[in-house]
Amino acid sequence: MKLIHQYFPIIVLIFLISSCKNNQKIKEQIAQIDVELTVSRFDREFAEAKVEDLPELKTTYPYLFPSRFSDSLWISKMNDTLQMELEQEVELVFPSFESEQESLESLFRHITYYFPEFTAPSIVTLISEVDYNNRVVYSDSLLLIGLDNYLGQDHKFYSGLPNYVAKGLSKDFLTSDVASTFAKKVLSYPRNRSFLSRMVHYGKELYLKDKLLPELTDAQKLNYLEGEHEWALANEEQMWRYFVENELLYSTDSSLDRKFLDPAPFSKFGLELDSESPGRLGRFLGWQIVRAYAEKHPEADLNAVLQLPADELFKMANYKPKR
């Protein structure tokens, strides 16, 4: 036993060196993946179009012109003052889409590495009249991004929105939102109705972002402001104790989703700290559980982690919050 203790630091050091070499190898392999990404600025094309250009636009983008709407609607839209103002504001924030394209290319390279059957979709940017619930729409071959949902939390167009919604409408979160839409394709919502299973489900989505978006901050992956993420880190142990002491983990009470998982101005512990807390803290804790499992089982590949049932993952994670 003494011998094991004597050499334990050396064993740990060897493991860390091996892990770093492996991570570097993966990084190099991902960098070599070729992604052909096409971006069409439909928002700009529509803004610059004249009435006589409408037939060509409809031919190029038939999925953006539902047949149930007559041409008169689109002509009216071309001359609508609010539409014009939206177009101007989008152009101010996105005079170029180059940095966003680079981030998306990196995302798609990482997706291709972990999911070789993936084919990068064509990207079309548009104006959605601030339809923030559908700011990114992803099908197998097409990715629609409503740029008017990424003008910055203090933008005048968002003045009537709840603050917890507006603070997520920044281009800092654009690539994270795209990754979330991809996650929905590879992660099935759990049939198990326990609160723990849903926490772990969202934790897997965030762990997937760890792999696909290594350059993003943890706050960006959560769609948190930096201060909100710092609050979550500082109160991790207290939150976990609350969940355990109140026997919430295996509860099937659906109201827990509204309190701790769904978008909201704050999480609802029924304590004084509520007003200071960000929403969706159950997702944050689910993330820490999945991370704990991955750290203890480095041999498990990404797909194995994503497919593992929540109960089994939780038991094997032996999660202990940071103090």
C-alpha atoms as a PDB file:
ATOM      1  CA  MET A   1       0.000   0.000   0.000  1.00  0.00           C
ATOM      2  CA  LYS A   2       2.842   2.397   0.836  1.00  0.00           C
ATOM      3  CA  LEU A   3       4.368   1.657  -2.550  1.00  0.00           C
ATOM      4  CA  ILE A   4       1.155   2.627  -4.320  1.00  0.00           C
ATOM      5  CA  HIS A   5       0.967   5.900  -2.389  1.00  0.00           C
ATOM      6  CA  GLN A   6       4.627   6.573  -3.183  1.00  0.00           C
ATOM      7  CA  TYR A   7       4.123   6.255  -6.933  1.00  0.00           C
ATOM      8  CA  PHE A   8       0.583   7.648  -7.162  1.00  0.00           C
ATOM      9  CA  PRO A   9       1.698  11.206  -8.126  1.00  0.00           C
ATOM     10  CA  ILE A  10       3.845   9.741 -10.911  1.00  0.00           C
ATOM     11  CA  ILE A  11       0.929   7.655 -12.190  1.00  0.00           C
ATOM     12  CA  VAL A  12      -1.304  10.738 -12.232  1.00  0.00           C
ATOM     13  CA  LEU A  13       1.364  12.753 -14.055  1.00  0.00           C
ATOM     14  CA  ILE A  14       1.760  10.043 -16.697  1.00  0.00           C
ATOM     15  CA  PHE A  15      -2.010   9.936 -17.192  1.00  0.00           C
ATOM     16  CA  LEU A  16      -2.195  13.735 -17.562  1.00  0.00           C
ATOM     17  CA  ILE A  17       0.637  13.790 -20.094  1.00  0.00           C
ATOM     18  CA  SER A  18      -1.023  10.995 -22.077  1.00  0.00           C
ATOM     19  CA  SER A  19      -4.371  12.802 -21.973  1.00  0.00           C
ATOM     20  CA  CYS A  20      -2.830  16.075 -23.174  1.00  0.00           C
ATOM     21  CA  LYS A  21      -1.093  14.292 -26.070  1.00  0.00           C
ATOM     22  CA  ASN A  22      -4.369  12.629 -27.058  1.00  0.00           C
ATOM     23  CA  ASN A  23      -6.261  15.935 -26.923  1.00  0.00           C
ATOM     24  CA  GLN A  24      -3.614  17.570 -29.086  1.00  0.00           C
ATOM     25  CA  LYS A  25      -3.866  14.722 -31.589  1.00  0.00           C
ATOM     26  CA  ILE A  26      -7.652  15.112 -31.771  1.00  0.00           C
ATOM     27  CA  LYS A  27      -7.277  18.878 -32.214  1.00  0.00           C
ATOM     28  CA  GLU A  28      -4.888  18.347 -35.135  1.00  0.00           C
ATOM     29  CA  GLN A  29      -7.186  15.785 -36.768  1.00  0.00           C
ATOM     30  CA  ILE A  30     -10.177  18.141 -36.498  1.00  0.00           C
ATOM     31  CA  ALA A  31      -8.174  21.021 -38.001  1.00  0.00           C
ATOM     32  CA  GLN A  32      -7.500  18.902 -41.097  1.00  0.00           C
ATOM     33  CA  ILE A  33     -11.185  18.218 -41.783  1.00  0.00           C
ATOM     34  CA  ASP A  34     -12.380  20.096 -44.864  1.00  0.00           C
ATOM     35  CA  VAL A  35     -15.797  21.740 -44.547  1.00  0.00           C
ATOM     36  CA  GLU A  36     -17.452  23.344 -47.555  1.00  0.00           C
ATOM     37  CA  LEU A  37     -19.731  25.991 -46.129  1.00  0.00           C
ATOM     38  CA  THR A  38     -22.002  28.195 -48.211  1.00  0.00           C
ATOM     39  CA  VAL A  39     -23.606  31.285 -46.698  1.00  0.00           C
ATOM     40  CA  SER A  40     -26.380  33.195 -48.472  1.00  0.00           C
ATOM     41  CA  ARG A  41     -27.288  36.627 -47.102  1.00  0.00           C
ATOM     42  CA  PHE A  42     -30.967  36.553 -48.002  1.00  0.00           C
ATOM     43  CA  ASP A  43     -31.562  39.386 -45.529  1.00  0.00           C
ATOM     44  CA  ARG A  44     -29.337  41.618 -47.663  1.00  0.00           C
ATOM     45  CA  GLU A  45     -30.666  40.359 -51.006  1.00  0.00           C
ATOM     46  CA  PHE A  46     -34.262  41.045 -49.976  1.00  0.00           C
ATOM     47  CA  ALA A  47     -33.322  44.490 -48.639  1.00  0.00           C
ATOM     48  CA  GLU A  48     -31.709  45.426 -51.957  1.00  0.00           C
ATOM     49  CA  ALA A  49     -34.376  43.820 -54.173  1.00  0.00           C
ATOM     50  CA  LYS A  50     -36.872  45.675 -56.330  1.00  0.00           C
ATOM     51  CA  VAL A  51     -40.334  44.422 -57.239  1.00  0.00           C
ATOM     52  CA  GLU A  52     -39.069  43.025 -60.533  1.00  0.00           C
ATOM     53  CA  ASP A  53     -36.491  40.925 -58.617  1.00  0.00           C
ATOM     54  CA  LEU A  54     -39.163  39.040 -56.664  1.00  0.00           C
ATOM     55  CA  PRO A  55     -39.618  36.153 -59.162  1.00  0.00           C
ATOM     56  CA  GLU A  56     -35.900  35.378 -59.086  1.00  0.00           C
ATOM     57  CA  LEU A  57     -35.820  35.491 -55.283  1.00  0.00           C
ATOM     58  CA  LYS A  58     -38.766  33.089 -55.139  1.00  0.00           C
ATOM     59  CA  THR A  59     -36.991  30.715 -57.503  1.00  0.00           C
ATOM     60  CA  THR A  60     -33.739  30.820 -55.511  1.00  0.00           C
ATOM     61  CA  TYR A  61     -35.378  30.579 -52.070  1.00  0.00           C
ATOM     62  CA  PRO A  62     -38.717  28.770 -52.581  1.00  0.00           C
ATOM     63  CA  TYR A  63     -38.801  27.600 -48.935  1.00  0.00           C
ATOM     64  CA  LEU A  64     -38.955  31.245 -47.782  1.00  0.00           C
ATOM     65  CA  PHE A  65     -42.011  32.065 -49.901  1.00  0.00           C
ATOM     66  CA  PRO A  66     -44.939  29.837 -48.873  1.00  0.00           C
ATOM     67  CA  SER A  67     -47.437  29.430 -51.693  1.00  0.00           C
ATOM     68  CA  ARG A  68     -50.330  30.462 -49.464  1.00  0.00           C
ATOM     69  CA  PHE A  69     -49.019  34.052 -49.490  1.00  0.00           C
ATOM     70  CA  SER A  70     -49.516  36.204 -52.594  1.00  0.00           C
ATOM     71  CA  ASP A  71     -46.841  38.396 -54.146  1.00  0.00           C
ATOM     72  CA  SER A  72     -48.645  41.471 -52.849  1.00  0.00           C
ATOM     73  CA  LEU A  73     -47.593  40.534 -49.297  1.00  0.00           C
ATOM     74  CA  TRP A  74     -43.898  40.417 -50.239  1.00  0.00           C
ATOM     75  CA  ILE A  75     -44.143  43.656 -52.219  1.00  0.00           C
ATOM     76  CA  SER A  76     -45.765  45.306 -49.224  1.00  0.00           C
ATOM     77  CA  LYS A  77     -42.984  43.938 -47.034  1.00  0.00           C
ATOM     78  CA  MET A  78     -40.344  45.451 -49.321  1.00  0.00           C
ATOM     79  CA  ASN A  79     -41.838  48.873 -48.685  1.00  0.00           C
ATOM     80  CA  ASP A  80     -42.642  48.408 -44.991  1.00  0.00           C
ATOM     81  CA  THR A  81     -40.825  50.961 -42.795  1.00  0.00           C
ATOM     82  CA  LEU A  82     -40.335  48.537 -39.894  1.00  0.00           C
ATOM     83  CA  GLN A  83     -38.861  45.940 -42.244  1.00  0.00           C
ATOM     84  CA  MET A  84     -36.511  48.568 -43.638  1.00  0.00           C
ATOM     85  CA  GLU A  85     -35.425  49.572 -40.129  1.00  0.00           C
ATOM     86  CA  LEU A  86     -34.786  45.925 -39.223  1.00  0.00           C
ATOM     87  CA  GLU A  87     -32.683  45.552 -42.358  1.00  0.00           C
ATOM     88  CA  GLN A  88     -30.655  48.636 -41.498  1.00  0.00           C
ATOM     89  CA  GLU A  89     -30.011  47.529 -37.921  1.00  0.00           C
ATOM     90  CA  VAL A  90     -28.990  44.025 -39.019  1.00  0.00           C
ATOM     91  CA  GLU A  91     -26.573  45.537 -41.539  1.00  0.00           C
ATOM     92  CA  LEU A  92     -25.007  47.654 -38.769  1.00  0.00           C
ATOM     93  CA  VAL A  93     -24.379  44.625 -36.529  1.00  0.00           C
ATOM     94  CA  PHE A  94     -23.554  42.200 -39.352  1.00  0.00           C
ATOM     95  CA  PRO A  95     -21.824  44.219 -42.100  1.00  0.00           C
ATOM     96  CA  SER A  96     -19.837  41.027 -42.558  1.00  0.00           C
ATOM     97  CA  PHE A  97     -20.590  37.452 -41.559  1.00  0.00           C
ATOM     98  CA  GLU A  98     -16.955  36.321 -41.770  1.00  0.00           C
ATOM     99  CA  SER A  99     -16.243  35.777 -38.067  1.00  0.00           C
ATOM    100  CA  GLU A 100     -19.549  33.946 -37.608  1.00  0.00           C
ATOM    101  CA  GLN A 101     -18.783  31.818 -40.658  1.00  0.00           C
ATOM    102  CA  GLU A 102     -15.378  30.896 -39.212  1.00  0.00           C
ATOM    103  CA  SER A 103     -17.007  29.877 -35.921  1.00  0.00           C
ATOM    104  CA  LEU A 104     -19.613  27.793 -37.739  1.00  0.00           C
ATOM    105  CA  GLU A 105     -16.955  26.135 -39.887  1.00  0.00           C
ATOM    106  CA  SER A 106     -15.106  25.178 -36.697  1.00  0.00           C
ATOM    107  CA  LEU A 107     -18.347  23.835 -35.206  1.00  0.00           C
ATOM    108  CA  PHE A 108     -19.054  21.757 -38.313  1.00  0.00           C
ATOM    109  CA  ARG A 109     -15.501  20.377 -38.373  1.00  0.00           C
ATOM    110  CA  HIS A 110     -15.945  19.206 -34.781  1.00  0.00           C
ATOM    111  CA  ILE A 111     -19.356  17.714 -35.568  1.00  0.00           C
ATOM    112  CA  THR A 112     -17.880  15.868 -38.561  1.00  0.00           C
ATOM    113  CA  TYR A 113     -15.109  14.431 -36.370  1.00  0.00           C
ATOM    114  CA  TYR A 114     -17.513  13.035 -33.786  1.00  0.00           C
ATOM    115  CA  PHE A 115     -20.372  12.263 -36.210  1.00  0.00           C
ATOM    116  CA  PRO A 116     -18.764  11.264 -39.545  1.00  0.00           C
ATOM    117  CA  GLU A 117     -22.136  10.884 -41.287  1.00  0.00           C
ATOM    118  CA  PHE A 118     -22.795  14.617 -40.800  1.00  0.00           C
ATOM    119  CA  THR A 119     -22.998  16.869 -43.876  1.00  0.00           C
ATOM    120  CA  ALA A 120     -22.722  20.606 -43.335  1.00  0.00           C
ATOM    121  CA  PRO A 121     -25.973  22.392 -44.225  1.00  0.00           C
ATOM    122  CA  SER A 122     -26.213  25.472 -46.410  1.00  0.00           C
ATOM    123  CA  ILE A 123     -26.642  28.616 -44.320  1.00  0.00           C
ATOM    124  CA  VAL A 124     -29.205  31.279 -45.133  1.00  0.00           C
ATOM    125  CA  THR A 125     -29.378  34.445 -43.035  1.00  0.00           C
ATOM    126  CA  LEU A 126     -32.659  36.309 -42.908  1.00  0.00           C
ATOM    127  CA  ILE A 127     -34.854  38.667 -40.919  1.00  0.00           C
ATOM    128  CA  SER A 128     -37.534  36.943 -38.868  1.00  0.00           C
ATOM    129  CA  GLU A 129     -39.270  39.950 -37.300  1.00  0.00           C
ATOM    130  CA  VAL A 130     -37.582  39.054 -33.983  1.00  0.00           C
ATOM    131  CA  ASP A 131     -39.018  35.544 -33.799  1.00  0.00           C
ATOM    132  CA  TYR A 132     -36.611  34.695 -30.984  1.00  0.00           C
ATOM    133  CA  ASN A 133     -38.220  31.323 -30.282  1.00  0.00           C
ATOM    134  CA  ASN A 134     -37.154  30.228 -33.786  1.00  0.00           C
ATOM    135  CA  ARG A 135     -33.968  32.207 -34.228  1.00  0.00           C
ATOM    136  CA  VAL A 136     -32.205  29.147 -35.661  1.00  0.00           C
ATOM    137  CA  VAL A 137     -34.037  26.563 -37.779  1.00  0.00           C
ATOM    138  CA  TYR A 138     -32.071  23.498 -38.853  1.00  0.00           C
ATOM    139  CA  SER A 139     -33.019  20.741 -41.291  1.00  0.00           C
ATOM    140  CA  ASP A 140     -30.682  18.132 -42.767  1.00  0.00           C
ATOM    141  CA  SER A 141     -29.461  20.372 -45.574  1.00  0.00           C
ATOM    142  CA  LEU A 142     -30.471  23.878 -44.538  1.00  0.00           C
ATOM    143  CA  LEU A 143     -29.719  26.180 -41.620  1.00  0.00           C
ATOM    144  CA  LEU A 144     -31.805  29.362 -41.320  1.00  0.00           C
ATOM    145  CA  ILE A 145     -30.527  32.081 -38.976  1.00  0.00           C
ATOM    146  CA  GLY A 146     -32.658  35.106 -38.088  1.00  0.00           C
ATOM    147  CA  LEU A 147     -29.988  37.781 -37.628  1.00  0.00           C
ATOM    148  CA  ASP A 148     -32.460  40.255 -36.136  1.00  0.00           C
ATOM    149  CA  ASN A 149     -32.392  38.041 -33.017  1.00  0.00           C
ATOM    150  CA  TYR A 150     -28.702  38.795 -32.395  1.00  0.00           C
ATOM    151  CA  LEU A 151     -28.483  42.589 -32.231  1.00  0.00           C
ATOM    152  CA  GLY A 152     -27.434  42.817 -28.551  1.00  0.00           C
ATOM    153  CA  GLN A 153     -29.475  42.676 -25.357  1.00  0.00           C
ATOM    154  CA  ASP A 154     -29.899  46.447 -25.064  1.00  0.00           C
ATOM    155  CA  HIS A 155     -31.135  46.972 -28.613  1.00  0.00           C
ATOM    156  CA  LYS A 156     -34.275  49.072 -28.925  1.00  0.00           C
ATOM    157  CA  PHE A 157     -36.123  46.292 -30.757  1.00  0.00           C
ATOM    158  CA  TYR A 158     -35.950  44.200 -27.592  1.00  0.00           C
ATOM    159  CA  SER A 159     -37.179  46.848 -25.159  1.00  0.00           C
ATOM    160  CA  GLY A 160     -40.582  45.182 -24.776  1.00  0.00           C
ATOM    161  CA  LEU A 161     -39.137  41.724 -24.118  1.00  0.00           C
ATOM    162  CA  PRO A 162     -38.464  40.221 -20.682  1.00  0.00           C
ATOM    163  CA  ASN A 163     -34.880  40.878 -19.652  1.00  0.00           C
ATOM    164  CA  TYR A 164     -34.067  37.176 -19.360  1.00  0.00           C
ATOM    165  CA  VAL A 165     -35.018  36.783 -23.038  1.00  0.00           C
ATOM    166  CA  ALA A 166     -33.281  39.939 -24.287  1.00  0.00           C
ATOM    167  CA  LYS A 167     -29.948  39.120 -22.651  1.00  0.00           C
ATOM    168  CA  GLY A 168     -29.679  36.012 -24.849  1.00  0.00           C
ATOM    169  CA  LEU A 169     -30.180  37.989 -28.072  1.00  0.00           C
ATOM    170  CA  SER A 170     -26.522  38.676 -28.742  1.00  0.00           C
ATOM    171  CA  LYS A 171     -24.284  37.396 -31.504  1.00  0.00           C
ATOM    172  CA  ASP A 172     -22.046  36.023 -28.744  1.00  0.00           C
ATOM    173  CA  PHE A 173     -24.566  33.177 -28.527  1.00  0.00           C
ATOM    174  CA  LEU A 174     -25.199  32.578 -32.232  1.00  0.00           C
ATOM    175  CA  THR A 175     -22.873  29.587 -32.657  1.00  0.00           C
ATOM    176  CA  SER A 176     -24.017  28.140 -29.331  1.00  0.00           C
ATOM    177  CA  ASP A 177     -27.626  28.318 -30.544  1.00  0.00           C
ATOM    178  CA  VAL A 178     -26.688  26.471 -33.731  1.00  0.00           C
ATOM    179  CA  ALA A 179     -24.993  23.767 -31.657  1.00  0.00           C
ATOM    180  CA  SER A 180     -28.173  23.439 -29.576  1.00  0.00           C
ATOM    181  CA  THR A 181     -30.236  22.773 -32.692  1.00  0.00           C
ATOM    182  CA  PHE A 182     -27.786  20.040 -33.700  1.00  0.00           C
ATOM    183  CA  ALA A 183     -27.904  18.543 -30.200  1.00  0.00           C
ATOM    184  CA  LYS A 184     -31.654  18.033 -30.559  1.00  0.00           C
ATOM    185  CA  LYS A 185     -30.947  15.736 -33.518  1.00  0.00           C
ATOM    186  CA  VAL A 186     -28.621  13.424 -31.597  1.00  0.00           C
ATOM    187  CA  LEU A 187     -30.227  13.582 -28.136  1.00  0.00           C
ATOM    188  CA  SER A 188     -33.689  12.176 -27.557  1.00  0.00           C
ATOM    189  CA  TYR A 189     -35.702  13.757 -24.756  1.00  0.00           C
ATOM    190  CA  PRO A 190     -35.887  11.189 -21.918  1.00  0.00           C
ATOM    191  CA  ARG A 191     -38.998   9.098 -21.398  1.00  0.00           C
ATOM    192  CA  ASN A 192     -38.063   8.735 -17.751  1.00  0.00           C
ATOM    193  CA  ARG A 193     -40.051  11.433 -15.956  1.00  0.00           C
ATOM    194  CA  SER A 194     -37.630  11.979 -13.072  1.00  0.00           C
ATOM    195  CA  PHE A 195     -36.146  15.410 -12.541  1.00  0.00           C
ATOM    196  CA  LEU A 196     -32.671  13.837 -12.579  1.00  0.00           C
ATOM    197  CA  SER A 197     -33.189  12.349 -16.042  1.00  0.00           C
ATOM    198  CA  ARG A 198     -34.091  15.748 -17.449  1.00  0.00           C
ATOM    199  CA  MET A 199     -31.198  17.464 -15.669  1.00  0.00           C
ATOM    200  CA  VAL A 200     -28.804  14.931 -17.166  1.00  0.00           C
ATOM    201  CA  HIS A 201     -30.411  15.333 -20.597  1.00  0.00           C
ATOM    202  CA  TYR A 202     -29.608  19.044 -20.639  1.00  0.00           C
ATOM    203  CA  GLY A 203     -26.235  18.287 -19.061  1.00  0.00           C
ATOM    204  CA  LYS A 204     -25.451  16.047 -22.043  1.00  0.00           C
ATOM    205  CA  GLU A 205     -26.342  18.867 -24.429  1.00  0.00           C
ATOM    206  CA  LEU A 206     -23.895  21.156 -22.655  1.00  0.00           C
ATOM    207  CA  TYR A 207     -21.225  18.453 -22.521  1.00  0.00           C
ATOM    208  CA  LEU A 208     -21.703  18.034 -26.264  1.00  0.00           C
ATOM    209  CA  LYS A 209     -20.943  21.746 -26.582  1.00  0.00           C
ATOM    210  CA  ASP A 210     -17.747  21.161 -24.593  1.00  0.00           C
ATOM    211  CA  LYS A 211     -16.630  18.889 -27.417  1.00  0.00           C
ATOM    212  CA  LEU A 212     -18.029  20.851 -30.348  1.00  0.00           C
ATOM    213  CA  LEU A 213     -17.297  24.397 -29.170  1.00  0.00           C
ATOM    214  CA  PRO A 214     -14.035  24.262 -27.202  1.00  0.00           C
ATOM    215  CA  GLU A 215     -13.270  27.897 -27.985  1.00  0.00           C
ATOM    216  CA  LEU A 216     -16.458  29.192 -26.352  1.00  0.00           C
ATOM    217  CA  THR A 217     -16.636  30.120 -22.675  1.00  0.00           C
ATOM    218  CA  ASP A 218     -18.828  28.083 -20.350  1.00  0.00           C
ATOM    219  CA  ALA A 219     -21.080  31.121 -20.023  1.00  0.00           C
ATOM    220  CA  GLN A 220     -21.612  31.223 -23.796  1.00  0.00           C
ATOM    221  CA  LYS A 221     -22.455  27.514 -23.880  1.00  0.00           C
ATOM    222  CA  LEU A 222     -25.131  28.149 -21.236  1.00  0.00           C
ATOM    223  CA  ASN A 223     -26.300  31.383 -22.877  1.00  0.00           C
ATOM    224  CA  TYR A 224     -25.442  33.069 -19.580  1.00  0.00           C
ATOM    225  CA  LEU A 225     -23.792  36.387 -18.927  1.00  0.00           C
ATOM    226  CA  GLU A 226     -20.402  35.962 -17.246  1.00  0.00           C
ATOM    227  CA  GLY A 227     -21.780  37.154 -13.904  1.00  0.00           C
ATOM    228  CA  GLU A 228     -24.542  34.554 -14.036  1.00  0.00           C
ATOM    229  CA  HIS A 229     -22.058  31.762 -14.648  1.00  0.00           C
ATOM    230  CA  GLU A 230     -19.902  32.996 -11.777  1.00  0.00           C
ATOM    231  CA  TRP A 231     -22.990  32.949  -9.529  1.00  0.00           C
ATOM    232  CA  ALA A 232     -23.715  29.344 -10.506  1.00  0.00           C
ATOM    233  CA  LEU A 233     -20.133  28.291  -9.737  1.00  0.00           C
ATOM    234  CA  ALA A 234     -20.134  30.083  -6.378  1.00  0.00           C
ATOM    235  CA  ASN A 235     -23.422  28.474  -5.288  1.00  0.00           C
ATOM    236  CA  GLU A 236     -22.977  24.993  -6.772  1.00  0.00           C
ATOM    237  CA  GLU A 237     -22.682  23.182  -3.428  1.00  0.00           C
ATOM    238  CA  GLN A 238     -25.639  25.026  -1.868  1.00  0.00           C
ATOM    239  CA  MET A 239     -27.888  24.285  -4.854  1.00  0.00           C
ATOM    240  CA  TRP A 240     -26.956  20.607  -4.885  1.00  0.00           C
ATOM    241  CA  ARG A 241     -27.617  20.300  -1.142  1.00  0.00           C
ATOM    242  CA  TYR A 242     -31.056  21.840  -1.696  1.00  0.00           C
ATOM    243  CA  PHE A 243     -31.916  19.292  -4.412  1.00  0.00           C
ATOM    244  CA  VAL A 244     -30.721  16.354  -2.297  1.00  0.00           C
ATOM    245  CA  GLU A 245     -32.231  17.448   1.023  1.00  0.00           C
ATOM    246  CA  ASN A 246     -35.599  18.128  -0.610  1.00  0.00           C
ATOM    247  CA  GLU A 247     -35.509  14.758  -2.422  1.00  0.00           C
ATOM    248  CA  LEU A 248     -36.012  16.355  -5.833  1.00  0.00           C
ATOM    249  CA  LEU A 249     -33.741  14.164  -7.946  1.00  0.00           C
ATOM    250  CA  TYR A 250     -36.227  11.336  -8.449  1.00  0.00           C
ATOM    251  CA  SER A 251     -39.341  13.482  -8.241  1.00  0.00           C
ATOM    252  CA  THR A 252     -41.701  13.420 -11.233  1.00  0.00           C
ATOM    253  CA  ASP A 253     -43.217  16.812 -10.369  1.00  0.00           C
ATOM    254  CA  SER A 254     -43.381  18.668 -13.703  1.00  0.00           C
ATOM    255  CA  SER A 255     -43.291  22.053 -11.939  1.00  0.00           C
ATOM    256  CA  LEU A 256     -39.575  21.457 -11.319  1.00  0.00           C
ATOM    257  CA  ASP A 257     -38.973  22.039 -15.029  1.00  0.00           C
ATOM    258  CA  ARG A 258     -40.425  25.538 -14.775  1.00  0.00           C
ATOM    259  CA  LYS A 259     -38.414  26.240 -11.630  1.00  0.00           C
ATOM    260  CA  PHE A 260     -35.017  24.940 -12.690  1.00  0.00           C
ATOM    261  CA  LEU A 261     -34.835  23.875 -16.347  1.00  0.00           C
ATOM    262  CA  ASP A 262     -36.959  26.145 -18.529  1.00  0.00           C
ATOM    263  CA  PRO A 263     -35.921  29.675 -19.567  1.00  0.00           C
ATOM    264  CA  ALA A 264     -36.937  32.016 -16.746  1.00  0.00           C
ATOM    265  CA  PRO A 265     -35.776  35.247 -15.079  1.00  0.00           C
ATOM    266  CA  PHE A 266     -34.423  33.234 -12.125  1.00  0.00           C
ATOM    267  CA  SER A 267     -34.493  29.780 -10.582  1.00  0.00           C
ATOM    268  CA  LYS A 268     -37.100  29.168  -7.885  1.00  0.00           C
ATOM    269  CA  PHE A 269     -35.678  27.680  -4.698  1.00  0.00           C
ATOM    270  CA  GLY A 270     -38.096  29.568  -2.485  1.00  0.00           C
ATOM    271  CA  LEU A 271     -35.118  31.180  -0.779  1.00  0.00           C
ATOM    272  CA  GLU A 272     -33.686  34.684  -0.510  1.00  0.00           C
ATOM    273  CA  LEU A 273     -31.085  33.856  -3.147  1.00  0.00           C
ATOM    274  CA  ASP A 274     -33.776  33.435  -5.836  1.00  0.00           C
ATOM    275  CA  SER A 275     -33.703  37.035  -7.003  1.00  0.00           C
ATOM    276  CA  GLU A 276     -29.939  36.849  -7.520  1.00  0.00           C
ATOM    277  CA  SER A 277     -29.954  33.519  -9.352  1.00  0.00           C
ATOM    278  CA  PRO A 278     -30.064  32.969 -13.124  1.00  0.00           C
ATOM    279  CA  GLY A 279     -32.648  30.635 -14.623  1.00  0.00           C
ATOM    280  CA  ARG A 280     -32.013  27.060 -15.793  1.00  0.00           C
ATOM    281  CA  LEU A 281     -29.685  26.165 -12.941  1.00  0.00           C
ATOM    282  CA  GLY A 282     -30.855  22.552 -13.129  1.00  0.00           C
ATOM    283  CA  ARG A 283     -29.153  22.393 -16.522  1.00  0.00           C
ATOM    284  CA  PHE A 284     -25.943  23.734 -15.022  1.00  0.00           C
ATOM    285  CA  LEU A 285     -25.933  21.033 -12.340  1.00  0.00           C
ATOM    286  CA  GLY A 286     -26.808  18.362 -14.903  1.00  0.00           C
ATOM    287  CA  TRP A 287     -23.754  19.516 -16.850  1.00  0.00           C
ATOM    288  CA  GLN A 288     -21.507  19.121 -13.819  1.00  0.00           C
ATOM    289  CA  ILE A 289     -22.818  15.576 -13.312  1.00  0.00           C
ATOM    290  CA  VAL A 290     -22.024  14.620 -16.917  1.00  0.00           C
ATOM    291  CA  ARG A 291     -18.614  16.256 -16.710  1.00  0.00           C
ATOM    292  CA  ALA A 292     -17.891  14.332 -13.498  1.00  0.00           C
ATOM    293  CA  TYR A 293     -18.750  11.071 -15.258  1.00  0.00           C
ATOM    294  CA  ALA A 294     -16.567  11.920 -18.272  1.00  0.00           C
ATOM    295  CA  GLU A 295     -13.603  12.807 -16.058  1.00  0.00           C
ATOM    296  CA  LYS A 296     -13.853   9.499 -14.205  1.00  0.00           C
ATOM    297  CA  HIS A 297     -14.349   7.475 -17.396  1.00  0.00           C
ATOM    298  CA  PRO A 298     -11.971   8.936 -20.005  1.00  0.00           C
ATOM    299  CA  GLU A 299     -12.231   5.709 -22.005  1.00  0.00           C
ATOM    300  CA  ALA A 300     -15.905   6.452 -22.825  1.00  0.00           C
ATOM    301  CA  ASP A 301     -16.258   8.140 -26.210  1.00  0.00           C
ATOM    302  CA  LEU A 302     -18.692  10.969 -26.803  1.00  0.00           C
ATOM    303  CA  ASN A 303     -21.496   8.836 -28.212  1.00  0.00           C
ATOM    304  CA  ALA A 304     -21.232   6.425 -25.284  1.00  0.00           C
ATOM    305  CA  VAL A 305     -21.664   9.307 -22.850  1.00  0.00           C
ATOM    306  CA  LEU A 306     -24.662  10.676 -24.769  1.00  0.00           C
ATOM    307  CA  GLN A 307     -26.403   7.279 -24.912  1.00  0.00           C
ATOM    308  CA  LEU A 308     -25.859   6.252 -21.286  1.00  0.00           C
ATOM    309  CA  PRO A 309     -29.104   6.225 -19.220  1.00  0.00           C
ATOM    310  CA  ALA A 310     -29.265   9.048 -16.696  1.00  0.00           C
ATOM    311  CA  ASP A 311     -29.507   6.826 -13.603  1.00  0.00           C
ATOM    312  CA  GLU A 312     -26.474   4.796 -14.613  1.00  0.00           C
ATOM    313  CA  LEU A 313     -24.458   7.869 -15.542  1.00  0.00           C
ATOM    314  CA  PHE A 314     -25.326   9.556 -12.245  1.00  0.00           C
ATOM    315  CA  LYS A 315     -24.291   6.558 -10.131  1.00  0.00           C
ATOM    316  CA  MET A 316     -21.011   6.142 -11.980  1.00  0.00           C
ATOM    317  CA  ALA A 317     -20.249   9.894 -11.913  1.00  0.00           C
ATOM    318  CA  ASN A 318     -20.054  10.019  -8.111  1.00  0.00           C
ATOM    319  CA  TYR A 319     -20.643  13.726  -8.501  1.00  0.00           C
ATOM    320  CA  LYS A 320     -19.556  15.978  -5.654  1.00  0.00           C
ATOM    321  CA  PRO A 321     -20.055  19.743  -6.070  1.00  0.00           C
ATOM    322  CA  LYS A 322     -17.090  22.032  -5.784  1.00  0.00           C
ATOM    323  CA  ARG A 323     -16.826  23.761  -2.436  1.00  0.00           C
END
